[in-house]
Amino acid sequence: MEDRRDRLRELGELLRRLRKDAGLTGKNLAHRAGVAQPTISRMETGQLLPTPETVERVSAALNLDEDKRRELDALLLRLRDEVSRLKSGLAGREAANAARVRSAQWMAVFSSAMIPPLLQTAEYARLALSIGQDVDQDDAAKAAAVRVEAQAVVFEPGRKFAFVLTEGAVRTWPGSPSLIPAQLDRLAQVSTLPHVRLGVVPWSVEAPAFPLHGFTIYDGAVSVVESLTGDLTLTETGEIDTHMDVFEAFAAAAVYDDALRDLLRQIGADYRALASK
């Protein structure tokens, strides 16, 4: 809770600095943005987390350049994430992740261990959230439902997605191997969407780097690494650039389109043989 208060104060100080840099008073900014002056005051004093609509209006009124908007977005992302997680439990965490996804226009996802959440079937999602962990099964089921519902953004026009998986991520199966063919069909389906680029790096290709962990880059401004104990949110330009370089290196080694679907069929045959034993 104290961390959230500190972040709200940090947000207020940032907004106040940006307003002063623009040569505006609180009243001027409120008028330009079309919001009430008390709203500006409460934001600047760390008493209010603005809605996305208010952020858009204030940003437009301040005429922020790309770097300043990135700084503001990164701080807001972390704040909304923390607020959402106050709901507690796996379902609260998934709600926070869903809000983060909805706020992004493009995402680059690299996974070396599992199918990315946006591409998981309902059964895979439930197992991914619960297997090997001491969790409440009802909470896991609710979290899986939130995760699957959030996948609707993949089919929304105006967004762009790039997914790169290692073959190891595709072949690592939770639960029973019998559920994986449906998961592979899901990957094949998504790979045909015009605004989605989905590739898999075959095991037969030399790896361009050791895939120590997966990560998701949001709008080129934030990279989120999922660890065993929670998400790590990286916002430094050097960190984002490094992750983007790694993503592009693995993307260059991946197969796509028909070659991808051929690989998925081969993997599916292996799973069916495994399930029959």
C-alpha atoms as a PDB file:
ATOM      1  CA  MET A   1       0.000   0.000   0.000  1.00  0.00           C
ATOM      2  CA  GLU A   2       2.833   2.393   0.875  1.00  0.00           C
ATOM      3  CA  ASP A   3       4.530   1.642  -2.439  1.00  0.00           C
ATOM      4  CA  ARG A   4       1.328   2.614  -4.217  1.00  0.00           C
ATOM      5  CA  ARG A   5       1.128   5.902  -2.337  1.00  0.00           C
ATOM      6  CA  ASP A   6       4.737   6.635  -3.222  1.00  0.00           C
ATOM      7  CA  ARG A   7       4.005   5.897  -6.876  1.00  0.00           C
ATOM      8  CA  LEU A   8       0.954   8.175  -6.832  1.00  0.00           C
ATOM      9  CA  ARG A   9       3.090  10.967  -5.384  1.00  0.00           C
ATOM     10  CA  GLU A  10       5.695  10.286  -8.077  1.00  0.00           C
ATOM     11  CA  LEU A  11       2.966  10.532 -10.713  1.00  0.00           C
ATOM     12  CA  GLY A  12       1.765  13.833  -9.230  1.00  0.00           C
ATOM     13  CA  GLU A  13       5.262  15.288  -9.252  1.00  0.00           C
ATOM     14  CA  LEU A  14       5.745  14.210 -12.872  1.00  0.00           C
ATOM     15  CA  LEU A  15       2.467  15.773 -13.994  1.00  0.00           C
ATOM     16  CA  ARG A  16       3.259  18.987 -12.135  1.00  0.00           C
ATOM     17  CA  ARG A  17       6.687  19.164 -13.771  1.00  0.00           C
ATOM     18  CA  LEU A  18       5.239  18.536 -17.228  1.00  0.00           C
ATOM     19  CA  ARG A  19       2.596  21.221 -16.685  1.00  0.00           C
ATOM     20  CA  LYS A  20       5.178  23.772 -15.574  1.00  0.00           C
ATOM     21  CA  ASP A  21       7.446  22.868 -18.497  1.00  0.00           C
ATOM     22  CA  ALA A  22       4.496  23.652 -20.759  1.00  0.00           C
ATOM     23  CA  GLY A  23       4.074  27.034 -19.060  1.00  0.00           C
ATOM     24  CA  LEU A  24       0.546  26.280 -17.862  1.00  0.00           C
ATOM     25  CA  THR A  25      -1.278  26.816 -14.608  1.00  0.00           C
ATOM     26  CA  GLY A  26      -3.541  24.119 -13.216  1.00  0.00           C
ATOM     27  CA  LYS A  27      -6.543  26.140 -14.379  1.00  0.00           C
ATOM     28  CA  ASN A  28      -5.093  26.504 -17.896  1.00  0.00           C
ATOM     29  CA  LEU A  29      -4.408  22.783 -18.150  1.00  0.00           C
ATOM     30  CA  ALA A  30      -7.875  21.845 -16.892  1.00  0.00           C
ATOM     31  CA  HIS A  31      -9.455  24.142 -19.491  1.00  0.00           C
ATOM     32  CA  ARG A  32      -7.333  22.815 -22.352  1.00  0.00           C
ATOM     33  CA  ALA A  33      -7.903  19.182 -21.355  1.00  0.00           C
ATOM     34  CA  GLY A  34     -11.620  19.636 -20.744  1.00  0.00           C
ATOM     35  CA  VAL A  35     -11.495  18.294 -17.186  1.00  0.00           C
ATOM     36  CA  ALA A  36     -12.391  19.819 -13.833  1.00  0.00           C
ATOM     37  CA  GLN A  37      -9.641  21.818 -12.137  1.00  0.00           C
ATOM     38  CA  PRO A  38      -9.956  19.760  -8.904  1.00  0.00           C
ATOM     39  CA  THR A  39      -9.111  16.698 -10.995  1.00  0.00           C
ATOM     40  CA  ILE A  40      -5.788  18.249 -12.010  1.00  0.00           C
ATOM     41  CA  SER A  41      -5.127  19.261  -8.411  1.00  0.00           C
ATOM     42  CA  ARG A  42      -5.871  15.781  -7.036  1.00  0.00           C
ATOM     43  CA  MET A  43      -3.671  14.165  -9.686  1.00  0.00           C
ATOM     44  CA  GLU A  44      -0.748  16.477  -8.900  1.00  0.00           C
ATOM     45  CA  THR A  45      -1.060  15.923  -5.141  1.00  0.00           C
ATOM     46  CA  GLY A  46      -1.065  12.133  -5.502  1.00  0.00           C
ATOM     47  CA  GLN A  47      -4.702  11.696  -4.476  1.00  0.00           C
ATOM     48  CA  LEU A  48      -6.098  10.416  -7.766  1.00  0.00           C
ATOM     49  CA  LEU A  49      -5.143   7.766 -10.300  1.00  0.00           C
ATOM     50  CA  PRO A  50      -6.492   9.192 -13.574  1.00  0.00           C
ATOM     51  CA  THR A  51      -8.582   7.184 -15.994  1.00  0.00           C
ATOM     52  CA  PRO A  52      -7.087   6.376 -19.426  1.00  0.00           C
ATOM     53  CA  GLU A  53      -9.445   8.960 -20.977  1.00  0.00           C
ATOM     54  CA  THR A  54      -8.200  11.681 -18.607  1.00  0.00           C
ATOM     55  CA  VAL A  55      -4.593  10.746 -19.358  1.00  0.00           C
ATOM     56  CA  GLU A  56      -5.229  11.099 -23.091  1.00  0.00           C
ATOM     57  CA  ARG A  57      -6.829  14.511 -22.630  1.00  0.00           C
ATOM     58  CA  VAL A  58      -4.078  15.804 -20.353  1.00  0.00           C
ATOM     59  CA  SER A  59      -1.323  14.438 -22.599  1.00  0.00           C
ATOM     60  CA  ALA A  60      -2.857  16.119 -25.629  1.00  0.00           C
ATOM     61  CA  ALA A  61      -3.225  19.389 -23.721  1.00  0.00           C
ATOM     62  CA  LEU A  62       0.425  19.239 -22.650  1.00  0.00           C
ATOM     63  CA  ASN A  63       1.533  18.356 -26.205  1.00  0.00           C
ATOM     64  CA  LEU A  64       3.964  15.769 -24.845  1.00  0.00           C
ATOM     65  CA  ASP A  65       6.780  14.526 -27.034  1.00  0.00           C
ATOM     66  CA  GLU A  66       7.480  10.797 -27.408  1.00  0.00           C
ATOM     67  CA  ASP A  67      10.020  10.574 -24.543  1.00  0.00           C
ATOM     68  CA  LYS A  68       7.826  12.395 -22.022  1.00  0.00           C
ATOM     69  CA  ARG A  69       4.766  10.376 -22.994  1.00  0.00           C
ATOM     70  CA  ARG A  70       6.789   7.177 -22.577  1.00  0.00           C
ATOM     71  CA  GLU A  71       7.875   8.274 -19.106  1.00  0.00           C
ATOM     72  CA  LEU A  72       4.262   9.005 -18.137  1.00  0.00           C
ATOM     73  CA  ASP A  73       2.920   5.757 -19.617  1.00  0.00           C
ATOM     74  CA  ALA A  74       5.531   3.626 -17.862  1.00  0.00           C
ATOM     75  CA  LEU A  75       4.660   5.103 -14.473  1.00  0.00           C
ATOM     76  CA  LEU A  76       0.916   4.758 -15.072  1.00  0.00           C
ATOM     77  CA  LEU A  77       1.368   1.156 -16.166  1.00  0.00           C
ATOM     78  CA  ARG A  78       3.131   0.261 -12.935  1.00  0.00           C
ATOM     79  CA  LEU A  79       0.517   2.089 -10.873  1.00  0.00           C
ATOM     80  CA  ARG A  80      -2.472   0.428 -12.507  1.00  0.00           C
ATOM     81  CA  ASP A  81      -0.751  -2.914 -12.169  1.00  0.00           C
ATOM     82  CA  GLU A  82      -0.273  -2.404  -8.424  1.00  0.00           C
ATOM     83  CA  VAL A  83      -3.845  -1.201  -7.920  1.00  0.00           C
ATOM     84  CA  SER A  84      -5.294  -4.158  -9.800  1.00  0.00           C
ATOM     85  CA  ARG A  85      -3.238  -6.602  -7.770  1.00  0.00           C
ATOM     86  CA  LEU A  86      -4.867  -5.321  -4.593  1.00  0.00           C
ATOM     87  CA  LYS A  87      -7.789  -7.536  -5.587  1.00  0.00           C
ATOM     88  CA  SER A  88      -5.430 -10.346  -4.502  1.00  0.00           C
ATOM     89  CA  GLY A  89      -5.099 -13.876  -5.722  1.00  0.00           C
ATOM     90  CA  LEU A  90      -4.462 -15.248  -9.160  1.00  0.00           C
ATOM     91  CA  ALA A  91      -7.640 -13.712 -10.554  1.00  0.00           C
ATOM     92  CA  GLY A  92      -6.502 -10.261  -9.410  1.00  0.00           C
ATOM     93  CA  ARG A  93      -3.129 -10.763 -11.026  1.00  0.00           C
ATOM     94  CA  GLU A  94      -4.761 -11.826 -14.286  1.00  0.00           C
ATOM     95  CA  ALA A  95      -7.055  -8.792 -14.178  1.00  0.00           C
ATOM     96  CA  ALA A  96      -3.958  -6.593 -13.874  1.00  0.00           C
ATOM     97  CA  ASN A  97      -2.330  -8.362 -16.797  1.00  0.00           C
ATOM     98  CA  ALA A  98      -5.501  -7.993 -18.880  1.00  0.00           C
ATOM     99  CA  ALA A  99      -5.601  -4.249 -18.210  1.00  0.00           C
ATOM    100  CA  ARG A 100      -1.963  -3.971 -19.240  1.00  0.00           C
ATOM    101  CA  VAL A 101      -2.655  -5.815 -22.492  1.00  0.00           C
ATOM    102  CA  ARG A 102      -5.703  -3.688 -23.303  1.00  0.00           C
ATOM    103  CA  SER A 103      -3.645  -0.517 -22.920  1.00  0.00           C
ATOM    104  CA  ALA A 104      -1.103  -1.586 -25.566  1.00  0.00           C
ATOM    105  CA  GLN A 105      -1.348  -1.058 -29.304  1.00  0.00           C
ATOM    106  CA  TRP A 106       1.437  -3.476 -30.155  1.00  0.00           C
ATOM    107  CA  MET A 107       3.221  -6.236 -28.295  1.00  0.00           C
ATOM    108  CA  ALA A 108       6.305  -8.348 -28.902  1.00  0.00           C
ATOM    109  CA  VAL A 109       6.234 -11.610 -26.928  1.00  0.00           C
ATOM    110  CA  PHE A 110       9.137 -14.029 -26.564  1.00  0.00           C
ATOM    111  CA  SER A 111       8.607 -17.312 -24.745  1.00  0.00           C
ATOM    112  CA  SER A 112      11.128 -20.062 -24.098  1.00  0.00           C
ATOM    113  CA  ALA A 113       9.175 -22.154 -21.588  1.00  0.00           C
ATOM    114  CA  MET A 114       5.440 -22.140 -22.303  1.00  0.00           C
ATOM    115  CA  ILE A 115       2.684 -21.003 -24.642  1.00  0.00           C
ATOM    116  CA  PRO A 116       2.136 -17.239 -24.057  1.00  0.00           C
ATOM    117  CA  PRO A 117      -1.034 -16.412 -22.078  1.00  0.00           C
ATOM    118  CA  LEU A 118      -2.679 -14.659 -25.043  1.00  0.00           C
ATOM    119  CA  LEU A 119      -2.456 -17.878 -27.068  1.00  0.00           C
ATOM    120  CA  GLN A 120      -3.439 -20.476 -24.457  1.00  0.00           C
ATOM    121  CA  THR A 121      -6.548 -22.634 -24.609  1.00  0.00           C
ATOM    122  CA  ALA A 122      -8.766 -22.571 -21.514  1.00  0.00           C
ATOM    123  CA  GLU A 123      -7.491 -25.931 -20.225  1.00  0.00           C
ATOM    124  CA  TYR A 124      -3.851 -25.051 -20.852  1.00  0.00           C
ATOM    125  CA  ALA A 125      -4.391 -21.723 -19.039  1.00  0.00           C
ATOM    126  CA  ARG A 126      -5.905 -23.437 -15.998  1.00  0.00           C
ATOM    127  CA  LEU A 127      -2.985 -25.842 -15.747  1.00  0.00           C
ATOM    128  CA  ALA A 128      -0.412 -23.111 -16.406  1.00  0.00           C
ATOM    129  CA  LEU A 129      -1.805 -21.185 -13.437  1.00  0.00           C
ATOM    130  CA  SER A 130      -2.051 -24.103 -11.029  1.00  0.00           C
ATOM    131  CA  ILE A 131       0.193 -27.049 -11.838  1.00  0.00           C
ATOM    132  CA  GLY A 132       3.041 -27.520  -9.377  1.00  0.00           C
ATOM    133  CA  GLN A 133       1.780 -24.678  -7.193  1.00  0.00           C
ATOM    134  CA  ASP A 134      -0.153 -24.549  -3.942  1.00  0.00           C
ATOM    135  CA  VAL A 135      -3.096 -22.475  -5.159  1.00  0.00           C
ATOM    136  CA  ASP A 136      -6.827 -22.366  -4.569  1.00  0.00           C
ATOM    137  CA  GLN A 137      -8.408 -24.243  -7.465  1.00  0.00           C
ATOM    138  CA  ASP A 138     -11.454 -21.971  -7.592  1.00  0.00           C
ATOM    139  CA  ASP A 139      -9.135 -18.954  -7.780  1.00  0.00           C
ATOM    140  CA  ALA A 140      -7.136 -20.672 -10.537  1.00  0.00           C
ATOM    141  CA  ALA A 141     -10.321 -21.389 -12.495  1.00  0.00           C
ATOM    142  CA  LYS A 142     -11.433 -17.747 -12.198  1.00  0.00           C
ATOM    143  CA  ALA A 143      -7.963 -16.569 -13.209  1.00  0.00           C
ATOM    144  CA  ALA A 144      -7.995 -18.841 -16.252  1.00  0.00           C
ATOM    145  CA  ALA A 145     -11.380 -17.421 -17.262  1.00  0.00           C
ATOM    146  CA  VAL A 146     -10.002 -13.868 -16.976  1.00  0.00           C
ATOM    147  CA  ARG A 147      -6.956 -14.873 -19.030  1.00  0.00           C
ATOM    148  CA  VAL A 148      -9.039 -16.408 -21.805  1.00  0.00           C
ATOM    149  CA  GLU A 149     -11.421 -13.442 -21.883  1.00  0.00           C
ATOM    150  CA  ALA A 150      -8.449 -11.083 -22.280  1.00  0.00           C
ATOM    151  CA  GLN A 151      -7.461 -12.927 -25.463  1.00  0.00           C
ATOM    152  CA  ALA A 152     -10.186 -11.098 -27.362  1.00  0.00           C
ATOM    153  CA  VAL A 153      -7.694  -8.269 -27.993  1.00  0.00           C
ATOM    154  CA  VAL A 154      -5.755 -10.554 -30.348  1.00  0.00           C
ATOM    155  CA  PHE A 155      -8.664 -10.373 -32.785  1.00  0.00           C
ATOM    156  CA  GLU A 156      -9.223  -6.611 -32.524  1.00  0.00           C
ATOM    157  CA  PRO A 157      -8.308  -4.518 -35.578  1.00  0.00           C
ATOM    158  CA  GLY A 158      -5.810  -1.720 -35.101  1.00  0.00           C
ATOM    159  CA  ARG A 159      -3.491  -3.742 -32.863  1.00  0.00           C
ATOM    160  CA  LYS A 160      -0.306  -5.591 -33.797  1.00  0.00           C
ATOM    161  CA  PHE A 161       1.216  -8.657 -32.167  1.00  0.00           C
ATOM    162  CA  ALA A 162       4.485 -10.496 -32.703  1.00  0.00           C
ATOM    163  CA  PHE A 163       5.045 -13.826 -30.951  1.00  0.00           C
ATOM    164  CA  VAL A 164       8.254 -15.845 -31.045  1.00  0.00           C
ATOM    165  CA  LEU A 165       8.435 -19.177 -29.226  1.00  0.00           C
ATOM    166  CA  THR A 166      11.150 -21.764 -28.993  1.00  0.00           C
ATOM    167  CA  GLU A 167      10.197 -25.299 -29.967  1.00  0.00           C
ATOM    168  CA  GLY A 168      10.901 -26.187 -26.344  1.00  0.00           C
ATOM    169  CA  ALA A 169       8.102 -23.860 -25.251  1.00  0.00           C
ATOM    170  CA  VAL A 170       5.679 -25.610 -27.598  1.00  0.00           C
ATOM    171  CA  ARG A 171       6.775 -29.082 -26.506  1.00  0.00           C
ATOM    172  CA  THR A 172       6.607 -28.441 -22.753  1.00  0.00           C
ATOM    173  CA  TRP A 173       3.229 -29.854 -21.778  1.00  0.00           C
ATOM    174  CA  PRO A 174       1.251 -29.511 -18.560  1.00  0.00           C
ATOM    175  CA  GLY A 175      -1.311 -32.100 -17.470  1.00  0.00           C
ATOM    176  CA  SER A 176      -1.928 -34.642 -20.196  1.00  0.00           C
ATOM    177  CA  PRO A 177      -0.371 -34.751 -23.684  1.00  0.00           C
ATOM    178  CA  SER A 178      -3.902 -35.308 -25.028  1.00  0.00           C
ATOM    179  CA  LEU A 179      -4.793 -31.632 -24.509  1.00  0.00           C
ATOM    180  CA  ILE A 180      -1.896 -30.313 -26.612  1.00  0.00           C
ATOM    181  CA  PRO A 181      -3.271 -30.971 -30.138  1.00  0.00           C
ATOM    182  CA  ALA A 182      -6.058 -28.462 -29.399  1.00  0.00           C
ATOM    183  CA  GLN A 183      -3.419 -25.995 -28.240  1.00  0.00           C
ATOM    184  CA  LEU A 184      -1.453 -26.499 -31.443  1.00  0.00           C
ATOM    185  CA  ASP A 185      -4.621 -25.907 -33.477  1.00  0.00           C
ATOM    186  CA  ARG A 186      -5.043 -22.639 -31.591  1.00  0.00           C
ATOM    187  CA  LEU A 187      -1.511 -21.559 -32.593  1.00  0.00           C
ATOM    188  CA  ALA A 188      -2.140 -22.486 -36.213  1.00  0.00           C
ATOM    189  CA  GLN A 189      -5.380 -20.493 -36.218  1.00  0.00           C
ATOM    190  CA  VAL A 190      -3.789 -17.366 -34.748  1.00  0.00           C
ATOM    191  CA  SER A 191      -0.888 -17.581 -37.209  1.00  0.00           C
ATOM    192  CA  THR A 192      -3.298 -16.820 -40.055  1.00  0.00           C
ATOM    193  CA  LEU A 193      -4.422 -13.451 -38.639  1.00  0.00           C
ATOM    194  CA  PRO A 194      -3.092 -10.560 -40.775  1.00  0.00           C
ATOM    195  CA  HIS A 195      -2.031  -8.407 -37.798  1.00  0.00           C
ATOM    196  CA  VAL A 196      -0.317 -11.267 -35.926  1.00  0.00           C
ATOM    197  CA  ARG A 197       3.201 -12.541 -36.627  1.00  0.00           C
ATOM    198  CA  LEU A 198       3.751 -15.926 -34.975  1.00  0.00           C
ATOM    199  CA  GLY A 199       7.004 -17.835 -35.296  1.00  0.00           C
ATOM    200  CA  VAL A 200       8.642 -20.849 -33.658  1.00  0.00           C
ATOM    201  CA  VAL A 201      12.387 -21.429 -33.498  1.00  0.00           C
ATOM    202  CA  PRO A 202      12.942 -25.143 -34.330  1.00  0.00           C
ATOM    203  CA  TRP A 203      15.298 -27.150 -32.155  1.00  0.00           C
ATOM    204  CA  SER A 204      17.275 -27.957 -35.331  1.00  0.00           C
ATOM    205  CA  VAL A 205      18.297 -24.297 -35.714  1.00  0.00           C
ATOM    206  CA  GLU A 206      21.244 -22.847 -33.850  1.00  0.00           C
ATOM    207  CA  ALA A 207      20.017 -20.588 -31.052  1.00  0.00           C
ATOM    208  CA  PRO A 208      21.165 -16.961 -31.396  1.00  0.00           C
ATOM    209  CA  ALA A 209      21.380 -16.652 -27.592  1.00  0.00           C
ATOM    210  CA  PHE A 210      20.558 -18.649 -24.489  1.00  0.00           C
ATOM    211  CA  PRO A 211      16.819 -18.078 -23.833  1.00  0.00           C
ATOM    212  CA  LEU A 212      17.149 -17.503 -20.097  1.00  0.00           C
ATOM    213  CA  HIS A 213      13.613 -16.182 -19.724  1.00  0.00           C
ATOM    214  CA  GLY A 214      10.652 -14.948 -21.667  1.00  0.00           C
ATOM    215  CA  PHE A 215       9.398 -11.373 -21.784  1.00  0.00           C
ATOM    216  CA  THR A 216       6.698  -9.161 -23.262  1.00  0.00           C
ATOM    217  CA  ILE A 217       7.419  -5.715 -24.698  1.00  0.00           C
ATOM    218  CA  TYR A 218       4.511  -3.262 -24.668  1.00  0.00           C
ATOM    219  CA  ASP A 219       4.564  -0.455 -27.253  1.00  0.00           C
ATOM    220  CA  GLY A 220       8.364  -0.372 -27.104  1.00  0.00           C
ATOM    221  CA  ALA A 221       8.186   1.351 -23.701  1.00  0.00           C
ATOM    222  CA  VAL A 222       7.948  -1.427 -21.104  1.00  0.00           C
ATOM    223  CA  SER A 223       9.197  -5.013 -20.925  1.00  0.00           C
ATOM    224  CA  VAL A 224       7.633  -7.404 -18.423  1.00  0.00           C
ATOM    225  CA  VAL A 225       9.464 -10.541 -17.314  1.00  0.00           C
ATOM    226  CA  GLU A 226       7.389 -13.206 -15.575  1.00  0.00           C
ATOM    227  CA  SER A 227       9.309 -14.869 -12.743  1.00  0.00           C
ATOM    228  CA  LEU A 228       8.366 -17.566 -10.253  1.00  0.00           C
ATOM    229  CA  THR A 229       7.528 -14.965  -7.620  1.00  0.00           C
ATOM    230  CA  GLY A 230       5.921 -12.241  -9.726  1.00  0.00           C
ATOM    231  CA  ASP A 231       6.414  -9.955 -12.694  1.00  0.00           C
ATOM    232  CA  LEU A 232       9.439  -7.716 -13.178  1.00  0.00           C
ATOM    233  CA  THR A 233       8.625  -4.487 -14.999  1.00  0.00           C
ATOM    234  CA  LEU A 234      11.549  -2.932 -16.862  1.00  0.00           C
ATOM    235  CA  THR A 235      11.363   0.613 -18.218  1.00  0.00           C
ATOM    236  CA  GLU A 236      14.969   1.716 -18.774  1.00  0.00           C
ATOM    237  CA  THR A 237      15.723   2.403 -22.432  1.00  0.00           C
ATOM    238  CA  GLY A 238      18.832   0.202 -22.378  1.00  0.00           C
ATOM    239  CA  GLU A 239      16.863  -2.736 -20.964  1.00  0.00           C
ATOM    240  CA  ILE A 240      14.121  -2.368 -23.544  1.00  0.00           C
ATOM    241  CA  ASP A 241      16.660  -2.147 -26.371  1.00  0.00           C
ATOM    242  CA  THR A 242      18.412  -5.312 -25.163  1.00  0.00           C
ATOM    243  CA  HIS A 243      15.144  -7.229 -25.008  1.00  0.00           C
ATOM    244  CA  MET A 244      14.163  -5.971 -28.452  1.00  0.00           C
ATOM    245  CA  ASP A 245      17.522  -7.068 -29.878  1.00  0.00           C
ATOM    246  CA  VAL A 246      17.087 -10.544 -28.389  1.00  0.00           C
ATOM    247  CA  PHE A 247      13.532 -10.742 -29.682  1.00  0.00           C
ATOM    248  CA  GLU A 248      14.620  -9.822 -33.211  1.00  0.00           C
ATOM    249  CA  ALA A 249      17.488 -12.326 -33.114  1.00  0.00           C
ATOM    250  CA  PHE A 250      15.139 -15.194 -32.234  1.00  0.00           C
ATOM    251  CA  ALA A 251      12.533 -13.889 -34.686  1.00  0.00           C
ATOM    252  CA  ALA A 252      15.114 -14.133 -37.465  1.00  0.00           C
ATOM    253  CA  ALA A 253      15.713 -17.797 -36.601  1.00  0.00           C
ATOM    254  CA  ALA A 254      12.022 -18.733 -36.461  1.00  0.00           C
ATOM    255  CA  VAL A 255       9.797 -20.338 -39.079  1.00  0.00           C
ATOM    256  CA  TYR A 256       6.465 -18.788 -40.074  1.00  0.00           C
ATOM    257  CA  ASP A 257       3.280 -19.360 -42.060  1.00  0.00           C
ATOM    258  CA  ASP A 258       3.218 -22.719 -43.906  1.00  0.00           C
ATOM    259  CA  ALA A 259       6.590 -23.803 -42.496  1.00  0.00           C
ATOM    260  CA  LEU A 260       5.299 -23.042 -39.007  1.00  0.00           C
ATOM    261  CA  ARG A 261       2.108 -25.008 -39.539  1.00  0.00           C
ATOM    262  CA  ASP A 262       4.108 -27.958 -40.898  1.00  0.00           C
ATOM    263  CA  LEU A 263       6.218 -27.897 -37.736  1.00  0.00           C
ATOM    264  CA  LEU A 264       3.096 -27.749 -35.547  1.00  0.00           C
ATOM    265  CA  ARG A 265       1.675 -30.796 -37.382  1.00  0.00           C
ATOM    266  CA  GLN A 266       4.888 -32.714 -36.711  1.00  0.00           C
ATOM    267  CA  ILE A 267       4.760 -31.803 -33.031  1.00  0.00           C
ATOM    268  CA  GLY A 268       1.074 -32.741 -32.921  1.00  0.00           C
ATOM    269  CA  ALA A 269       1.844 -36.193 -34.296  1.00  0.00           C
ATOM    270  CA  ASP A 270       4.406 -36.678 -31.516  1.00  0.00           C
ATOM    271  CA  TYR A 271       1.848 -35.675 -28.890  1.00  0.00           C
ATOM    272  CA  ARG A 272      -0.813 -38.011 -30.268  1.00  0.00           C
ATOM    273  CA  ALA A 273       1.657 -40.872 -30.213  1.00  0.00           C
ATOM    274  CA  LEU A 274       2.591 -39.985 -26.626  1.00  0.00           C
ATOM    275  CA  ALA A 275      -1.053 -39.792 -25.563  1.00  0.00           C
ATOM    276  CA  SER A 276      -1.776 -43.238 -27.022  1.00  0.00           C
ATOM    277  CA  LYS A 277       0.814 -44.924 -24.818  1.00  0.00           C
END
